């Protein structure tokens, strides 16, 4: 059984998503997005940002 990344995990734009769930951008104004594991973490407003896992899928 795979161990889940803990809530609060950070991932940077243009890296692989470590856990499927709802992610929140760590910029202002922030946004949330559902992102699936192994997909690339997106840019936000055209900029590289950190994303925080706030909810599991």
N, C-alpha and C. Protein backbone atom coordinates (compact mmCIF):
# COMPACT_ATOMS: atom_id res chain seq x y z
N UNK A 1 0.84 -1.19 0.00
CA UNK A 1 0.00 0.00 0.00
C UNK A 1 0.88 1.25 0.00
N UNK A 2 0.55 2.18 -0.87
CA UNK A 2 1.32 3.42 -0.99
C UNK A 2 1.02 4.36 0.19
N UNK A 3 2.06 4.97 0.72
CA UNK A 3 1.89 5.96 1.77
C UNK A 3 1.55 7.29 1.14
N UNK A 4 0.54 7.94 1.66
CA UNK A 4 0.12 9.24 1.13
C UNK A 4 1.07 10.35 1.58
N UNK A 5 1.24 11.32 0.69
CA UNK A 5 1.95 12.53 1.09
C UNK A 5 1.07 13.24 2.12
N UNK A 6 1.64 13.78 3.17
CA UNK A 6 0.81 14.43 4.20
C UNK A 6 0.18 15.72 3.69
N UNK A 7 -1.01 16.04 4.22
CA UNK A 7 -1.60 17.34 3.93
C UNK A 7 -0.60 18.40 4.33
N UNK A 8 -0.51 19.45 3.55
CA UNK A 8 0.47 20.49 3.80
C UNK A 8 1.73 20.33 2.97
N UNK A 9 1.85 19.19 2.25
CA UNK A 9 2.99 18.98 1.37
C UNK A 9 3.04 20.09 0.33
N UNK A 10 4.24 20.56 0.02
CA UNK A 10 4.44 21.58 -0.99
C UNK A 10 5.04 20.98 -2.25
N UNK A 11 4.60 21.49 -3.40
CA UNK A 11 5.16 21.10 -4.69
C UNK A 11 5.24 22.34 -5.56
N UNK A 12 6.29 22.45 -6.33
CA UNK A 12 6.53 23.63 -7.16
C UNK A 12 6.00 23.42 -8.58
N UNK A 13 5.57 24.50 -9.20
CA UNK A 13 5.15 24.44 -10.61
C UNK A 13 6.23 23.76 -11.44
N UNK A 14 5.80 23.03 -12.47
CA UNK A 14 6.68 22.32 -13.40
C UNK A 14 7.37 21.11 -12.80
N UNK A 15 6.91 20.64 -11.62
CA UNK A 15 7.39 19.37 -11.06
C UNK A 15 6.22 18.40 -11.08
N UNK A 16 6.50 17.13 -10.86
CA UNK A 16 5.43 16.11 -10.85
C UNK A 16 4.64 16.20 -9.55
N UNK A 17 3.33 16.09 -9.67
CA UNK A 17 2.45 16.11 -8.50
C UNK A 17 2.67 14.83 -7.69
N UNK A 18 2.97 14.96 -6.38
CA UNK A 18 3.25 13.78 -5.57
C UNK A 18 2.00 13.06 -5.04
N UNK A 19 0.83 13.71 -5.10
CA UNK A 19 -0.39 13.13 -4.52
C UNK A 19 -1.62 13.75 -5.18
N UNK A 20 -2.57 12.91 -5.57
CA UNK A 20 -3.82 13.43 -6.14
C UNK A 20 -4.62 14.13 -5.06
N UNK A 21 -5.16 15.29 -5.40
CA UNK A 21 -5.97 16.01 -4.44
C UNK A 21 -6.21 17.44 -4.88
N UNK A 22 -6.65 18.23 -3.92
CA UNK A 22 -6.88 19.66 -4.16
C UNK A 22 -5.65 20.40 -3.63
N UNK A 23 -5.10 21.23 -4.49
CA UNK A 23 -3.89 21.98 -4.19
C UNK A 23 -4.20 23.47 -4.20
N UNK A 24 -3.56 24.22 -3.31
CA UNK A 24 -3.75 25.67 -3.21
C UNK A 24 -2.44 26.37 -3.53
N UNK A 25 -2.53 27.35 -4.43
CA UNK A 25 -1.32 28.11 -4.77
C UNK A 25 -0.92 28.96 -3.57
N UNK A 26 0.38 29.11 -3.39
CA UNK A 26 0.91 29.87 -2.26
C UNK A 26 1.36 31.25 -2.70
N UNK A 27 0.44 31.95 -3.35
CA UNK A 27 0.69 33.32 -3.78
C UNK A 27 -0.59 34.11 -3.55
N UNK A 28 -0.60 35.37 -3.97
CA UNK A 28 -1.78 36.21 -3.77
C UNK A 28 -2.14 36.88 -5.08
N UNK A 29 -3.41 36.82 -5.49
CA UNK A 29 -4.46 36.02 -4.86
C UNK A 29 -4.26 34.55 -5.18
N UNK A 30 -4.57 33.71 -4.20
CA UNK A 30 -4.37 32.28 -4.39
C UNK A 30 -5.56 31.66 -5.12
N UNK A 31 -5.38 30.42 -5.54
CA UNK A 31 -6.45 29.66 -6.17
C UNK A 31 -6.29 28.21 -5.75
N UNK A 32 -7.30 27.42 -5.99
CA UNK A 32 -7.20 25.98 -5.75
C UNK A 32 -7.43 25.24 -7.06
N UNK A 33 -6.88 24.04 -7.14
CA UNK A 33 -7.04 23.23 -8.36
C UNK A 33 -6.94 21.76 -8.00
N UNK A 34 -7.80 20.93 -8.61
CA UNK A 34 -7.64 19.48 -8.45
C UNK A 34 -6.53 19.02 -9.39
N UNK A 35 -5.54 18.32 -8.85
CA UNK A 35 -4.40 17.89 -9.66
C UNK A 35 -4.16 16.42 -9.36
N UNK A 36 -4.01 15.62 -10.41
CA UNK A 36 -3.80 14.19 -10.25
C UNK A 36 -2.31 13.87 -10.10
N UNK A 37 -2.03 12.85 -9.31
CA UNK A 37 -0.66 12.39 -9.10
C UNK A 37 0.03 12.14 -10.44
N UNK A 38 1.27 12.51 -10.52
CA UNK A 38 2.15 12.34 -11.69
C UNK A 38 1.93 13.39 -12.78
N UNK A 39 0.86 14.20 -12.71
CA UNK A 39 0.71 15.32 -13.65
C UNK A 39 1.68 16.42 -13.25
N UNK A 40 1.99 17.31 -14.18
CA UNK A 40 2.85 18.44 -13.85
C UNK A 40 2.06 19.46 -13.05
N UNK A 41 2.70 20.01 -12.03
CA UNK A 41 2.08 21.09 -11.26
C UNK A 41 2.04 22.32 -12.16
N UNK A 42 0.89 23.00 -12.20
CA UNK A 42 0.72 24.11 -13.15
C UNK A 42 1.35 25.42 -12.67
N UNK A 43 1.51 26.31 -13.63
CA UNK A 43 1.83 27.70 -13.31
C UNK A 43 0.55 28.33 -12.78
N UNK A 44 0.67 29.44 -12.07
CA UNK A 44 -0.51 30.22 -11.67
C UNK A 44 -0.31 31.64 -12.15
N UNK A 45 -1.24 32.08 -12.97
CA UNK A 45 -1.16 33.41 -13.57
C UNK A 45 0.14 33.57 -14.37
N UNK A 46 0.59 32.45 -14.96
CA UNK A 46 1.78 32.47 -15.80
C UNK A 46 3.09 32.47 -15.04
N UNK A 47 3.04 32.22 -13.73
CA UNK A 47 4.23 32.32 -12.89
C UNK A 47 4.45 30.99 -12.15
N UNK A 48 5.71 30.63 -11.93
CA UNK A 48 6.05 29.47 -11.12
C UNK A 48 5.73 29.78 -9.66
N UNK A 49 4.96 28.89 -9.03
CA UNK A 49 4.58 29.08 -7.62
C UNK A 49 4.72 27.76 -6.88
N UNK A 50 4.66 27.83 -5.57
CA UNK A 50 4.53 26.63 -4.75
C UNK A 50 3.05 26.34 -4.57
N UNK A 51 2.71 25.06 -4.54
CA UNK A 51 1.35 24.58 -4.31
C UNK A 51 1.34 23.76 -3.04
N UNK A 52 0.26 23.90 -2.25
CA UNK A 52 0.13 23.16 -0.99
C UNK A 52 -1.05 22.21 -1.06
N UNK A 53 -0.83 20.95 -0.71
CA UNK A 53 -1.90 19.96 -0.68
C UNK A 53 -2.82 20.25 0.48
N UNK A 54 -4.11 20.51 0.18
CA UNK A 54 -5.05 20.85 1.24
C UNK A 54 -6.17 19.82 1.42
N UNK A 55 -6.33 18.90 0.44
CA UNK A 55 -7.38 17.90 0.55
C UNK A 55 -7.03 16.72 -0.35
N UNK A 56 -7.26 15.51 0.14
CA UNK A 56 -7.04 14.33 -0.69
C UNK A 56 -8.17 14.15 -1.69
N UNK A 57 -7.85 13.50 -2.82
CA UNK A 57 -8.87 13.21 -3.84
C UNK A 57 -9.73 12.05 -3.39
